[in-house]
Amino acid sequence: APDAVSALDAWAAHLATFHTRIAPVAGAIERARRSDADAATHWSLVMQDRYRVCNDLATRLDREHKLSPHWTVDTAADMLFALMSSGVLESLTIDRGWSTEQFRDQLAVLLRSTFVRPEDSRAG
């Protein structure tokens, strides 16, 4: 993405499209990690990569002076990571029946309004 705010939109789109497609497999691996060492290793690598991306997004927002003053890079990365949880995705797309497009659009609004400085949240 050309800038940090657009990167948040791209992240919302990625979560809505890719993560909804892999949710059943990810759920199986998440459950299996408690009793299977290989699944646990895989899950750990995936979580590390997810957190890295969240940290990169928060760092980019901060570097571009777009990060809301309510957040530090660390707390923003932690919250971005938590918002990626399968529970959030499943609650909205399965339990509440949101379409992929609705999830993408509303998540983008949430990310902008939460993590971007108020004067910059409508940009892009």
PDB file of N, CA and C in Angstrom:
ATOM      1  N   ALA A   1       0.845  -1.184   0.000  1.00  0.00           N
ATOM      2  CA  ALA A   1       0.000   0.000   0.000  1.00  0.00           C
ATOM      3  C   ALA A   1       0.887   1.242   0.000  1.00  0.00           C
ATOM      4  N   PRO A   2       0.417   2.313  -0.598  1.00  0.00           N
ATOM      5  CA  PRO A   2       1.243   3.521  -0.703  1.00  0.00           C
ATOM      6  C   PRO A   2       1.455   4.257   0.617  1.00  0.00           C
ATOM      7  N   ASP A   3       0.569   4.037   1.593  1.00  0.00           N
ATOM      8  CA  ASP A   3       0.711   4.712   2.880  1.00  0.00           C
ATOM      9  C   ASP A   3       0.104   3.826   3.970  1.00  0.00           C
ATOM     10  N   ALA A   4       0.338   4.216   5.213  1.00  0.00           N
ATOM     11  CA  ALA A   4      -0.078   3.389   6.349  1.00  0.00           C
ATOM     12  C   ALA A   4      -1.591   3.255   6.460  1.00  0.00           C
ATOM     13  N   VAL A   5      -2.321   4.317   6.183  1.00  0.00           N
ATOM     14  CA  VAL A   5      -3.779   4.247   6.288  1.00  0.00           C
ATOM     15  C   VAL A   5      -4.331   3.310   5.222  1.00  0.00           C
ATOM     16  N   SER A   6      -3.806   3.397   4.024  1.00  0.00           N
ATOM     17  CA  SER A   6      -4.217   2.458   2.969  1.00  0.00           C
ATOM     18  C   SER A   6      -3.820   1.032   3.329  1.00  0.00           C
ATOM     19  N   ALA A   7      -2.720   0.883   4.039  1.00  0.00           N
ATOM     20  CA  ALA A   7      -2.292  -0.455   4.468  1.00  0.00           C
ATOM     21  C   ALA A   7      -3.308  -1.068   5.431  1.00  0.00           C
ATOM     22  N   LEU A   8      -3.923  -0.245   6.277  1.00  0.00           N
ATOM     23  CA  LEU A   8      -4.975  -0.761   7.165  1.00  0.00           C
ATOM     24  C   LEU A   8      -6.160  -1.280   6.346  1.00  0.00           C
ATOM     25  N   ASP A   9      -6.531  -0.540   5.309  1.00  0.00           N
ATOM     26  CA  ASP A   9      -7.615  -0.991   4.444  1.00  0.00           C
ATOM     27  C   ASP A   9      -7.249  -2.307   3.753  1.00  0.00           C
ATOM     28  N   ALA A  10      -6.012  -2.396   3.288  1.00  0.00           N
ATOM     29  CA  ALA A  10      -5.546  -3.623   2.632  1.00  0.00           C
ATOM     30  C   ALA A  10      -5.547  -4.782   3.622  1.00  0.00           C
ATOM     31  N   TRP A  11      -5.196  -4.496   4.866  1.00  0.00           N
ATOM     32  CA  TRP A  11      -5.190  -5.531   5.905  1.00  0.00           C
ATOM     33  C   TRP A  11      -6.612  -6.026   6.155  1.00  0.00           C
ATOM     34  N   ALA A  12      -7.565  -5.108   6.238  1.00  0.00           N
ATOM     35  CA  ALA A  12      -8.962  -5.498   6.425  1.00  0.00           C
ATOM     36  C   ALA A  12      -9.430  -6.372   5.258  1.00  0.00           C
ATOM     37  N   ALA A  13      -9.050  -6.002   4.054  1.00  0.00           N
ATOM     38  CA  ALA A  13      -9.430  -6.789   2.876  1.00  0.00           C
ATOM     39  C   ALA A  13      -8.803  -8.179   2.928  1.00  0.00           C
ATOM     40  N   HIS A  14      -7.537  -8.248   3.343  1.00  0.00           N
ATOM     41  CA  HIS A  14      -6.863  -9.542   3.453  1.00  0.00           C
ATOM     42  C   HIS A  14      -7.562 -10.430   4.483  1.00  0.00           C
ATOM     43  N   LEU A  15      -7.849  -9.871   5.633  1.00  0.00           N
ATOM     44  CA  LEU A  15      -8.509 -10.659   6.677  1.00  0.00           C
ATOM     45  C   LEU A  15      -9.878 -11.145   6.208  1.00  0.00           C
ATOM     46  N   ALA A  16     -10.599 -10.280   5.517  1.00  0.00           N
ATOM     47  CA  ALA A  16     -11.944 -10.642   5.067  1.00  0.00           C
ATOM     48  C   ALA A  16     -11.924 -11.708   3.981  1.00  0.00           C
ATOM     49  N   THR A  17     -10.965 -11.663   3.096  1.00  0.00           N
ATOM     50  CA  THR A  17     -10.964 -12.623   1.989  1.00  0.00           C
ATOM     51  C   THR A  17     -10.185 -13.883   2.330  1.00  0.00           C
ATOM     52  N   PHE A  18      -8.931 -13.738   2.706  1.00  0.00           N
ATOM     53  CA  PHE A  18      -8.091 -14.898   2.945  1.00  0.00           C
ATOM     54  C   PHE A  18      -8.484 -15.643   4.216  1.00  0.00           C
ATOM     55  N   HIS A  19      -8.672 -14.916   5.289  1.00  0.00           N
ATOM     56  CA  HIS A  19      -8.940 -15.572   6.570  1.00  0.00           C
ATOM     57  C   HIS A  19     -10.311 -16.237   6.609  1.00  0.00           C
ATOM     58  N   THR A  20     -11.285 -15.701   5.890  1.00  0.00           N
ATOM     59  CA  THR A  20     -12.566 -16.401   5.851  1.00  0.00           C
ATOM     60  C   THR A  20     -12.439 -17.715   5.085  1.00  0.00           C
ATOM     61  N   ARG A  21     -11.570 -17.749   4.079  1.00  0.00           N
ATOM     62  CA  ARG A  21     -11.381 -18.993   3.311  1.00  0.00           C
ATOM     63  C   ARG A  21     -10.647 -20.049   4.119  1.00  0.00           C
ATOM     64  N   ILE A  22      -9.699 -19.649   4.963  1.00  0.00           N
ATOM     65  CA  ILE A  22      -8.895 -20.636   5.696  1.00  0.00           C
ATOM     66  C   ILE A  22      -9.430 -20.925   7.094  1.00  0.00           C
ATOM     67  N   ALA A  23     -10.505 -20.270   7.484  1.00  0.00           N
ATOM     68  CA  ALA A  23     -11.015 -20.410   8.856  1.00  0.00           C
ATOM     69  C   ALA A  23     -11.240 -21.861   9.284  1.00  0.00           C
ATOM     70  N   PRO A  24     -11.836 -22.710   8.468  1.00  0.00           N
ATOM     71  CA  PRO A  24     -12.038 -24.101   8.928  1.00  0.00           C
ATOM     72  C   PRO A  24     -10.720 -24.837   9.194  1.00  0.00           C
ATOM     73  N   VAL A  25      -9.749 -24.657   8.327  1.00  0.00           N
ATOM     74  CA  VAL A  25      -8.452 -25.318   8.514  1.00  0.00           C
ATOM     75  C   VAL A  25      -7.726 -24.721   9.716  1.00  0.00           C
ATOM     76  N   ALA A  26      -7.755 -23.395   9.823  1.00  0.00           N
ATOM     77  CA  ALA A  26      -7.095 -22.740  10.958  1.00  0.00           C
ATOM     78  C   ALA A  26      -7.709 -23.208  12.276  1.00  0.00           C
ATOM     79  N   GLY A  27      -9.036 -23.352  12.297  1.00  0.00           N
ATOM     80  CA  GLY A  27      -9.700 -23.834  13.506  1.00  0.00           C
ATOM     81  C   GLY A  27      -9.271 -25.241  13.873  1.00  0.00           C
ATOM     82  N   ALA A  28      -9.126 -26.092  12.872  1.00  0.00           N
ATOM     83  CA  ALA A  28      -8.681 -27.469  13.132  1.00  0.00           C
ATOM     84  C   ALA A  28      -7.262 -27.493  13.687  1.00  0.00           C
ATOM     85  N   ILE A  29      -6.403 -26.670  13.121  1.00  0.00           N
ATOM     86  CA  ILE A  29      -5.015 -26.612  13.614  1.00  0.00           C
ATOM     87  C   ILE A  29      -4.985 -26.038  15.030  1.00  0.00           C
ATOM     88  N   GLU A  30      -5.789 -25.012  15.265  1.00  0.00           N
ATOM     89  CA  GLU A  30      -5.829 -24.419  16.607  1.00  0.00           C
ATOM     90  C   GLU A  30      -6.259 -25.450  17.650  1.00  0.00           C
ATOM     91  N   ARG A  31      -7.271 -26.247  17.330  1.00  0.00           N
ATOM     92  CA  ARG A  31      -7.712 -27.278  18.268  1.00  0.00           C
ATOM     93  C   ARG A  31      -6.656 -28.373  18.435  1.00  0.00           C
ATOM     94  N   ALA A  32      -6.028 -28.763  17.339  1.00  0.00           N
ATOM     95  CA  ALA A  32      -5.048 -29.853  17.375  1.00  0.00           C
ATOM     96  C   ALA A  32      -3.762 -29.463  18.098  1.00  0.00           C
ATOM     97  N   ARG A  33      -3.478 -28.188  18.179  1.00  0.00           N
ATOM     98  CA  ARG A  33      -2.198 -27.755  18.781  1.00  0.00           C
ATOM     99  C   ARG A  33      -2.080 -28.141  20.251  1.00  0.00           C
ATOM    100  N   ARG A  34      -3.190 -28.395  20.886  1.00  0.00           N
ATOM    101  CA  ARG A  34      -3.166 -28.762  22.302  1.00  0.00           C
ATOM    102  C   ARG A  34      -2.679 -30.192  22.535  1.00  0.00           C
ATOM    103  N   SER A  35      -2.779 -31.004  21.481  1.00  0.00           N
ATOM    104  CA  SER A  35      -2.381 -32.404  21.656  1.00  0.00           C
ATOM    105  C   SER A  35      -1.391 -32.900  20.601  1.00  0.00           C
ATOM    106  N   ASP A  36      -1.037 -32.055  19.645  1.00  0.00           N
ATOM    107  CA  ASP A  36      -0.148 -32.466  18.560  1.00  0.00           C
ATOM    108  C   ASP A  36       1.012 -31.483  18.455  1.00  0.00           C
ATOM    109  N   ALA A  37       2.218 -31.987  18.638  1.00  0.00           N
ATOM    110  CA  ALA A  37       3.404 -31.124  18.646  1.00  0.00           C
ATOM    111  C   ALA A  37       3.620 -30.412  17.309  1.00  0.00           C
ATOM    112  N   ASP A  38       3.379 -31.115  16.212  1.00  0.00           N
ATOM    113  CA  ASP A  38       3.556 -30.484  14.902  1.00  0.00           C
ATOM    114  C   ASP A  38       2.542 -29.361  14.686  1.00  0.00           C
ATOM    115  N   ALA A  39       1.319 -29.598  15.082  1.00  0.00           N
ATOM    116  CA  ALA A  39       0.298 -28.559  14.971  1.00  0.00           C
ATOM    117  C   ALA A  39       0.646 -27.373  15.865  1.00  0.00           C
ATOM    118  N   ALA A  40       1.165 -27.649  17.046  1.00  0.00           N
ATOM    119  CA  ALA A  40       1.563 -26.575  17.963  1.00  0.00           C
ATOM    120  C   ALA A  40       2.702 -25.744  17.377  1.00  0.00           C
ATOM    121  N   THR A  41       3.652 -26.407  16.749  1.00  0.00           N
ATOM    122  CA  THR A  41       4.768 -25.693  16.113  1.00  0.00           C
ATOM    123  C   THR A  41       4.246 -24.822  14.974  1.00  0.00           C
ATOM    124  N   HIS A  42       3.389 -25.393  14.149  1.00  0.00           N
ATOM    125  CA  HIS A  42       2.817 -24.627  13.039  1.00  0.00           C
ATOM    126  C   HIS A  42       2.034 -23.423  13.563  1.00  0.00           C
ATOM    127  N   TRP A  43       1.186 -23.648  14.564  1.00  0.00           N
ATOM    128  CA  TRP A  43       0.374 -22.568  15.136  1.00  0.00           C
ATOM    129  C   TRP A  43       1.270 -21.451  15.676  1.00  0.00           C
ATOM    130  N   SER A  44       2.326 -21.823  16.351  1.00  0.00           N
ATOM    131  CA  SER A  44       3.244 -20.832  16.900  1.00  0.00           C
ATOM    132  C   SER A  44       3.876 -19.985  15.793  1.00  0.00           C
ATOM    133  N   LEU A  45       4.287 -20.622  14.714  1.00  0.00           N
ATOM    134  CA  LEU A  45       4.875 -19.885  13.587  1.00  0.00           C
ATOM    135  C   LEU A  45       3.864 -18.936  12.951  1.00  0.00           C
ATOM    136  N   VAL A  46       2.643 -19.406  12.803  1.00  0.00           N
ATOM    137  CA  VAL A  46       1.591 -18.564  12.222  1.00  0.00           C
ATOM    138  C   VAL A  46       1.318 -17.362  13.129  1.00  0.00           C
ATOM    139  N   MET A  47       1.234 -17.587  14.431  1.00  0.00           N
ATOM    140  CA  MET A  47       0.967 -16.495  15.364  1.00  0.00           C
ATOM    141  C   MET A  47       2.118 -15.481  15.377  1.00  0.00           C
ATOM    142  N   GLN A  48       3.341 -15.975  15.310  1.00  0.00           N
ATOM    143  CA  GLN A  48       4.495 -15.067  15.242  1.00  0.00           C
ATOM    144  C   GLN A  48       4.432 -14.199  13.991  1.00  0.00           C
ATOM    145  N   ASP A  49       4.080 -14.813  12.860  1.00  0.00           N
ATOM    146  CA  ASP A  49       3.987 -14.056  11.618  1.00  0.00           C
ATOM    147  C   ASP A  49       2.841 -13.056  11.667  1.00  0.00           C
ATOM    148  N   ARG A  50       1.706 -13.462  12.204  1.00  0.00           N
ATOM    149  CA  ARG A  50       0.576 -12.542  12.338  1.00  0.00           C
ATOM    150  C   ARG A  50       0.964 -11.338  13.193  1.00  0.00           C
ATOM    151  N   TYR A  51       1.626 -11.610  14.311  1.00  0.00           N
ATOM    152  CA  TYR A  51       2.011 -10.502  15.182  1.00  0.00           C
ATOM    153  C   TYR A  51       3.016  -9.588  14.489  1.00  0.00           C
ATOM    154  N   ARG A  52       3.937 -10.176  13.737  1.00  0.00           N
ATOM    155  CA  ARG A  52       4.921  -9.365  13.012  1.00  0.00           C
ATOM    156  C   ARG A  52       4.224  -8.394  12.065  1.00  0.00           C
ATOM    157  N   VAL A  53       3.230  -8.880  11.339  1.00  0.00           N
ATOM    158  CA  VAL A  53       2.496  -8.018  10.417  1.00  0.00           C
ATOM    159  C   VAL A  53       1.771  -6.910  11.189  1.00  0.00           C
ATOM    160  N   CYS A  54       1.160  -7.246  12.292  1.00  0.00           N
ATOM    161  CA  CYS A  54       0.474  -6.242  13.114  1.00  0.00           C
ATOM    162  C   CYS A  54       1.453  -5.198  13.624  1.00  0.00           C
ATOM    163  N   ASN A  55       2.614  -5.646  14.064  1.00  0.00           N
ATOM    164  CA  ASN A  55       3.633  -4.718  14.529  1.00  0.00           C
ATOM    165  C   ASN A  55       4.134  -3.837  13.392  1.00  0.00           C
ATOM    166  N   ASP A  56       4.295  -4.425  12.215  1.00  0.00           N
ATOM    167  CA  ASP A  56       4.714  -3.632  11.049  1.00  0.00           C
ATOM    168  C   ASP A  56       3.686  -2.550  10.723  1.00  0.00           C
ATOM    169  N   LEU A  57       2.396  -2.893  10.788  1.00  0.00           N
ATOM    170  CA  LEU A  57       1.349  -1.907  10.529  1.00  0.00           C
ATOM    171  C   LEU A  57       1.383  -0.779  11.557  1.00  0.00           C
ATOM    172  N   ALA A  58       1.480  -1.137  12.822  1.00  0.00           N
ATOM    173  CA  ALA A  58       1.519  -0.118  13.879  1.00  0.00           C
ATOM    174  C   ALA A  58       2.772   0.747  13.751  1.00  0.00           C
ATOM    175  N   THR A  59       3.885   0.128  13.444  1.00  0.00           N
ATOM    176  CA  THR A  59       5.139   0.879  13.276  1.00  0.00           C
ATOM    177  C   THR A  59       5.027   1.839  12.102  1.00  0.00           C
ATOM    178  N   ARG A  60       4.428   1.377  11.021  1.00  0.00           N
ATOM    179  CA  ARG A  60       4.278   2.239   9.846  1.00  0.00           C
ATOM    180  C   ARG A  60       3.362   3.420  10.152  1.00  0.00           C
ATOM    181  N   LEU A  61       2.259   3.169  10.841  1.00  0.00           N
ATOM    182  CA  LEU A  61       1.389   4.276  11.246  1.00  0.00           C
ATOM    183  C   LEU A  61       2.157   5.295  12.075  1.00  0.00           C
ATOM    184  N   ASP A  62       2.939   4.810  13.016  1.00  0.00           N
ATOM    185  CA  ASP A  62       3.717   5.691  13.873  1.00  0.00           C
ATOM    186  C   ASP A  62       4.770   6.456  13.072  1.00  0.00           C
ATOM    187  N   ARG A  63       5.476   5.761  12.220  1.00  0.00           N
ATOM    188  CA  ARG A  63       6.541   6.385  11.414  1.00  0.00           C
ATOM    189  C   ARG A  63       5.981   7.483  10.505  1.00  0.00           C
ATOM    190  N   GLU A  64       4.769   7.270  10.010  1.00  0.00           N
ATOM    191  CA  GLU A  64       4.127   8.264   9.143  1.00  0.00           C
ATOM    192  C   GLU A  64       3.317   9.294   9.931  1.00  0.00           C
ATOM    193  N   HIS A  65       3.436   9.259  11.256  1.00  0.00           N
ATOM    194  CA  HIS A  65       2.736  10.187  12.158  1.00  0.00           C
ATOM    195  C   HIS A  65       1.229  10.119  11.992  1.00  0.00           C
ATOM    196  N   LYS A  66       0.718   8.919  11.775  1.00  0.00           N
ATOM    197  CA  LYS A  66      -0.716   8.694  11.614  1.00  0.00           C
ATOM    198  C   LYS A  66      -1.315   7.926  12.786  1.00  0.00           C
ATOM    199  N   LEU A  67      -0.485   7.355  13.652  1.00  0.00           N
ATOM    200  CA  LEU A  67      -0.988   6.556  14.772  1.00  0.00           C
ATOM    201  C   LEU A  67      -1.698   7.455  15.775  1.00  0.00           C
ATOM    202  N   SER A  68      -2.908   7.049  16.141  1.00  0.00           N
ATOM    203  CA  SER A  68      -3.689   7.794  17.121  1.00  0.00           C
ATOM    204  C   SER A  68      -2.891   7.938  18.414  1.00  0.00           C
ATOM    205  N   PRO A  69      -2.989   9.094  19.076  1.00  0.00           N
ATOM    206  CA  PRO A  69      -2.249   9.294  20.330  1.00  0.00           C
ATOM    207  C   PRO A  69      -2.714   8.388  21.464  1.00  0.00           C
ATOM    208  N   HIS A  70      -3.819   7.687  21.281  1.00  0.00           N
ATOM    209  CA  HIS A  70      -4.313   6.768  22.304  1.00  0.00           C
ATOM    210  C   HIS A  70      -3.519   5.465  22.347  1.00  0.00           C
ATOM    211  N   TRP A  71      -2.637   5.272  21.369  1.00  0.00           N
ATOM    212  CA  TRP A  71      -1.927   4.006  21.226  1.00  0.00           C
ATOM    213  C   TRP A  71      -0.430   4.210  21.160  1.00  0.00           C
ATOM    214  N   THR A  72       0.287   3.204  21.641  1.00  0.00           N
ATOM    215  CA  THR A  72       1.713   3.085  21.358  1.00  0.00           C
ATOM    216  C   THR A  72       1.834   2.047  20.246  1.00  0.00           C
ATOM    217  N   VAL A  73       3.009   1.920  19.680  1.00  0.00           N
ATOM    218  CA  VAL A  73       3.207   0.883  18.674  1.00  0.00           C
ATOM    219  C   VAL A  73       2.885  -0.485  19.276  1.00  0.00           C
ATOM    220  N   ASP A  74       3.361  -0.728  20.483  1.00  0.00           N
ATOM    221  CA  ASP A  74       3.145  -2.036  21.115  1.00  0.00           C
ATOM    222  C   ASP A  74       1.673  -2.320  21.400  1.00  0.00           C
ATOM    223  N   THR A  75       0.962  -1.340  21.966  1.00  0.00           N
ATOM    224  CA  THR A  75      -0.444  -1.597  22.282  1.00  0.00           C
ATOM    225  C   THR A  75      -1.285  -1.698  21.014  1.00  0.00           C
ATOM    226  N   ALA A  76      -0.964  -0.907  20.003  1.00  0.00           N
ATOM    227  CA  ALA A  76      -1.687  -1.000  18.731  1.00  0.00           C
ATOM    228  C   ALA A  76      -1.436  -2.357  18.077  1.00  0.00           C
ATOM    229  N   ALA A  77      -0.197  -2.812  18.096  1.00  0.00           N
ATOM    230  CA  ALA A  77       0.119  -4.128  17.524  1.00  0.00           C
ATOM    231  C   ALA A  77      -0.629  -5.233  18.269  1.00  0.00           C
ATOM    232  N   ASP A  78      -0.658  -5.131  19.583  1.00  0.00           N
ATOM    233  CA  ASP A  78      -1.377  -6.136  20.380  1.00  0.00           C
ATOM    234  C   ASP A  78      -2.870  -6.156  20.030  1.00  0.00           C
ATOM    235  N   MET A  79      -3.476  -4.978  19.909  1.00  0.00           N
ATOM    236  CA  MET A  79      -4.907  -4.922  19.618  1.00  0.00           C
ATOM    237  C   MET A  79      -5.196  -5.383  18.190  1.00  0.00           C
ATOM    238  N   LEU A  80      -4.363  -4.981  17.238  1.00  0.00           N
ATOM    239  CA  LEU A  80      -4.524  -5.469  15.868  1.00  0.00           C
ATOM    240  C   LEU A  80      -4.468  -6.996  15.846  1.00  0.00           C
ATOM    241  N   PHE A  81      -3.533  -7.546  16.591  1.00  0.00           N
ATOM    242  CA  PHE A  81      -3.383  -8.994  16.679  1.00  0.00           C
ATOM    243  C   PHE A  81      -4.648  -9.637  17.255  1.00  0.00           C
ATOM    244  N   ALA A  82      -5.170  -9.049  18.331  1.00  0.00           N
ATOM    245  CA  ALA A  82      -6.375  -9.600  18.968  1.00  0.00           C
ATOM    246  C   ALA A  82      -7.585  -9.521  18.036  1.00  0.00           C
ATOM    247  N   LEU A  83      -7.671  -8.454  17.258  1.00  0.00           N
ATOM    248  CA  LEU A  83      -8.796  -8.300  16.342  1.00  0.00           C
ATOM    249  C   LEU A  83      -8.764  -9.307  15.195  1.00  0.00           C
ATOM    250  N   MET A  84      -7.624  -9.968  15.010  1.00  0.00           N
ATOM    251  CA  MET A  84      -7.503 -11.010  13.992  1.00  0.00           C
ATOM    252  C   MET A  84      -8.033 -12.349  14.474  1.00  0.00           C
ATOM    253  N   SER A  85      -8.424 -12.436  15.705  1.00  0.00           N
ATOM    254  CA  SER A  85      -8.792 -13.739  16.261  1.00  0.00           C
ATOM    255  C   SER A  85      -9.944 -14.368  15.481  1.00  0.00           C
ATOM    256  N   SER A  86      -9.925 -15.673  15.444  1.00  0.00           N
ATOM    257  CA  SER A  86     -10.977 -16.389  14.725  1.00  0.00           C
ATOM    258  C   SER A  86     -12.337 -16.125  15.344  1.00  0.00           C
ATOM    259  N   GLY A  87     -12.374 -15.838  16.634  1.00  0.00           N
ATOM    260  CA  GLY A  87     -13.649 -15.554  17.290  1.00  0.00           C
ATOM    261  C   GLY A  87     -14.339 -14.332  16.720  1.00  0.00           C
ATOM    262  N   VAL A  88     -13.573 -13.276  16.453  1.00  0.00           N
ATOM    263  CA  VAL A  88     -14.145 -12.061  15.870  1.00  0.00           C
ATOM    264  C   VAL A  88     -14.691 -12.370  14.480  1.00  0.00           C
ATOM    265  N   LEU A  89     -13.887 -13.004  13.676  1.00  0.00           N
ATOM    266  CA  LEU A  89     -14.282 -13.351  12.313  1.00  0.00           C
ATOM    267  C   LEU A  89     -15.528 -14.228  12.301  1.00  0.00           C
ATOM    268  N   GLU A  90     -15.518 -15.290  13.091  1.00  0.00           N
ATOM    269  CA  GLU A  90     -16.641 -16.224  13.095  1.00  0.00           C
ATOM    270  C   GLU A  90     -17.904 -15.606  13.694  1.00  0.00           C
ATOM    271  N   SER A  91     -17.753 -14.795  14.732  1.00  0.00           N
ATOM    272  CA  SER A  91     -18.923 -14.153  15.339  1.00  0.00           C
ATOM    273  C   SER A  91     -19.674 -13.303  14.322  1.00  0.00           C
ATOM    274  N   LEU A  92     -18.928 -12.607  13.486  1.00  0.00           N
ATOM    275  CA  LEU A  92     -19.577 -11.706  12.534  1.00  0.00           C
ATOM    276  C   LEU A  92     -19.998 -12.400  11.250  1.00  0.00           C
ATOM    277  N   THR A  93     -19.136 -13.249  10.689  1.00  0.00           N
ATOM    278  CA  THR A  93     -19.463 -13.848   9.394  1.00  0.00           C
ATOM    279  C   THR A  93     -20.361 -15.082   9.507  1.00  0.00           C
ATOM    280  N   ILE A  94     -20.240 -15.819  10.583  1.00  0.00           N
ATOM    281  CA  ILE A  94     -21.064 -17.019  10.739  1.00  0.00           C
ATOM    282  C   ILE A  94     -22.268 -16.717  11.628  1.00  0.00           C
ATOM    283  N   ASP A  95     -22.003 -16.295  12.855  1.00  0.00           N
ATOM    284  CA  ASP A  95     -23.097 -16.092  13.804  1.00  0.00           C
ATOM    285  C   ASP A  95     -24.025 -14.939  13.406  1.00  0.00           C
ATOM    286  N   ARG A  96     -23.445 -13.859  12.881  1.00  0.00           N
ATOM    287  CA  ARG A  96     -24.261 -12.694  12.522  1.00  0.00           C
ATOM    288  C   ARG A  96     -24.548 -12.604  11.029  1.00  0.00           C
ATOM    289  N   GLY A  97     -23.952 -13.477  10.230  1.00  0.00           N
ATOM    290  CA  GLY A  97     -24.275 -13.550   8.813  1.00  0.00           C
ATOM    291  C   GLY A  97     -23.711 -12.447   7.934  1.00  0.00           C
ATOM    292  N   TRP A  98     -22.664 -11.777   8.405  1.00  0.00           N
ATOM    293  CA  TRP A  98     -22.063 -10.736   7.582  1.00  0.00           C
ATOM    294  C   TRP A  98     -21.414 -11.350   6.344  1.00  0.00           C
ATOM    295  N   SER A  99     -21.530 -10.663   5.231  1.00  0.00           N
ATOM    296  CA  SER A  99     -20.823 -11.075   4.021  1.00  0.00           C
ATOM    297  C   SER A  99     -19.345 -10.730   4.165  1.00  0.00           C
ATOM    298  N   THR A 100     -18.546 -11.307   3.309  1.00  0.00           N
ATOM    299  CA  THR A 100     -17.116 -10.974   3.284  1.00  0.00           C
ATOM    300  C   THR A 100     -16.926  -9.485   3.047  1.00  0.00           C
ATOM    301  N   GLU A 101     -17.722  -8.933   2.144  1.00  0.00           N
ATOM    302  CA  GLU A 101     -17.611  -7.505   1.818  1.00  0.00           C
ATOM    303  C   GLU A 101     -17.992  -6.625   3.004  1.00  0.00           C
ATOM    304  N   GLN A 102     -19.053  -7.001   3.696  1.00  0.00           N
ATOM    305  CA  GLN A 102     -19.465  -6.227   4.868  1.00  0.00           C
ATOM    306  C   GLN A 102     -18.403  -6.301   5.954  1.00  0.00           C
ATOM    307  N   PHE A 103     -17.863  -7.490   6.176  1.00  0.00           N
ATOM    308  CA  PHE A 103     -16.801  -7.638   7.167  1.00  0.00           C
ATOM    309  C   PHE A 103     -15.604  -6.775   6.785  1.00  0.00           C
ATOM    310  N   ARG A 104     -15.189  -6.830   5.531  1.00  0.00           N
ATOM    311  CA  ARG A 104     -14.065  -6.022   5.055  1.00  0.00           C
ATOM    312  C   ARG A 104     -14.315  -4.536   5.292  1.00  0.00           C
ATOM    313  N   ASP A 105     -15.457  -4.056   4.861  1.00  0.00           N
ATOM    314  CA  ASP A 105     -15.751  -2.620   4.943  1.00  0.00           C
ATOM    315  C   ASP A 105     -15.854  -2.147   6.387  1.00  0.00           C
ATOM    316  N   GLN A 106     -16.557  -2.909   7.217  1.00  0.00           N
ATOM    317  CA  GLN A 106     -16.719  -2.494   8.612  1.00  0.00           C
ATOM    318  C   GLN A 106     -15.411  -2.616   9.395  1.00  0.00           C
ATOM    319  N   LEU A 107     -14.618  -3.630   9.079  1.00  0.00           N
ATOM    320  CA  LEU A 107     -13.315  -3.751   9.739  1.00  0.00           C
ATOM    321  C   LEU A 107     -12.413  -2.592   9.346  1.00  0.00           C
ATOM    322  N   ALA A 108     -12.448  -2.185   8.088  1.00  0.00           N
ATOM    323  CA  ALA A 108     -11.644  -1.037   7.654  1.00  0.00           C
ATOM    324  C   ALA A 108     -12.054   0.222   8.421  1.00  0.00           C
ATOM    325  N   VAL A 109     -13.358   0.416   8.595  1.00  0.00           N
ATOM    326  CA  VAL A 109     -13.845   1.571   9.367  1.00  0.00           C
ATOM    327  C   VAL A 109     -13.347   1.482  10.807  1.00  0.00           C
ATOM    328  N   LEU A 110     -13.461   0.303  11.398  1.00  0.00           N
ATOM    329  CA  LEU A 110     -13.006   0.104  12.777  1.00  0.00           C
ATOM    330  C   LEU A 110     -11.509   0.400  12.907  1.00  0.00           C
ATOM    331  N   LEU A 111     -10.716  -0.137  12.001  1.00  0.00           N
ATOM    332  CA  LEU A 111      -9.267   0.061  12.084  1.00  0.00           C
ATOM    333  C   LEU A 111      -8.900   1.530  11.932  1.00  0.00           C
ATOM    334  N   ARG A 112      -9.492   2.199  10.952  1.00  0.00           N
ATOM    335  CA  ARG A 112      -9.205   3.626  10.760  1.00  0.00           C
ATOM    336  C   ARG A 112      -9.629   4.450  11.970  1.00  0.00           C
ATOM    337  N   SER A 113     -10.858   4.232  12.440  1.00  0.00           N
ATOM    338  CA  SER A 113     -11.368   5.062  13.531  1.00  0.00           C
ATOM    339  C   SER A 113     -10.667   4.778  14.850  1.00  0.00           C
ATOM    340  N   THR A 114     -10.073   3.614  14.975  1.00  0.00           N
ATOM    341  CA  THR A 114      -9.403   3.244  16.215  1.00  0.00           C
ATOM    342  C   THR A 114      -7.926   3.616  16.220  1.00  0.00           C
ATOM    343  N   PHE A 115      -7.233   3.353  15.134  1.00  0.00           N
ATOM    344  CA  PHE A 115      -5.774   3.463  15.142  1.00  0.00           C
ATOM    345  C   PHE A 115      -5.206   4.685  14.434  1.00  0.00           C
ATOM    346  N   VAL A 116      -6.007   5.376  13.652  1.00  0.00           N
ATOM    347  CA  VAL A 116      -5.502   6.515  12.885  1.00  0.00           C
ATOM    348  C   VAL A 116      -5.894   7.806  13.590  1.00  0.00           C
ATOM    349  N   ARG A 117      -4.951   8.744  13.611  1.00  0.00           N
ATOM    350  CA  ARG A 117      -5.245  10.061  14.179  1.00  0.00           C
ATOM    351  C   ARG A 117      -6.570  10.573  13.621  1.00  0.00           C
ATOM    352  N   PRO A 118      -7.412  11.170  14.447  1.00  0.00           N
ATOM    353  CA  PRO A 118      -8.740  11.594  13.970  1.00  0.00           C
ATOM    354  C   PRO A 118      -8.699  12.456  12.707  1.00  0.00           C
ATOM    355  N   GLU A 119      -7.761  13.347  12.605  1.00  0.00           N
ATOM    356  CA  GLU A 119      -7.711  14.231  11.433  1.00  0.00           C
ATOM    357  C   GLU A 119      -7.297  13.482  10.159  1.00  0.00           C
ATOM    358  N   ASP A 120      -6.779  12.258  10.304  1.00  0.00           N
ATOM    359  CA  ASP A 120      -6.319  11.482   9.151  1.00  0.00           C
ATOM    360  C   ASP A 120      -7.176  10.260   8.862  1.00  0.00           C
ATOM    361  N   SER A 121      -8.189   9.970   9.684  1.00  0.00           N
ATOM    362  CA  SER A 121      -8.909   8.694   9.582  1.00  0.00           C
ATOM    363  C   SER A 121      -9.804   8.603   8.358  1.00  0.00           C
ATOM    364  N   ARG A 122     -10.149   9.730   7.753  1.00  0.00           N
ATOM    365  CA  ARG A 122     -11.003   9.685   6.567  1.00  0.00           C
ATOM    366  C   ARG A 122     -10.187   9.749   5.286  1.00  0.00           C
ATOM    367  N   ALA A 123      -8.868   9.877   5.409  1.00  0.00           N
ATOM    368  CA  ALA A 123      -8.008   9.972   4.217  1.00  0.00           C
ATOM    369  C   ALA A 123      -7.963   8.645   3.499  1.00  0.00           C
ATOM    370  N   GLY A 124      -7.677   8.688   2.215  1.00  0.00           N
ATOM    371  CA  GLY A 124      -7.434   7.476   1.443  1.00  0.00           C
ATOM    372  C   GLY A 124      -8.561   6.913   0.727  1.00  0.00           C
TER     373      GLY A 124
END
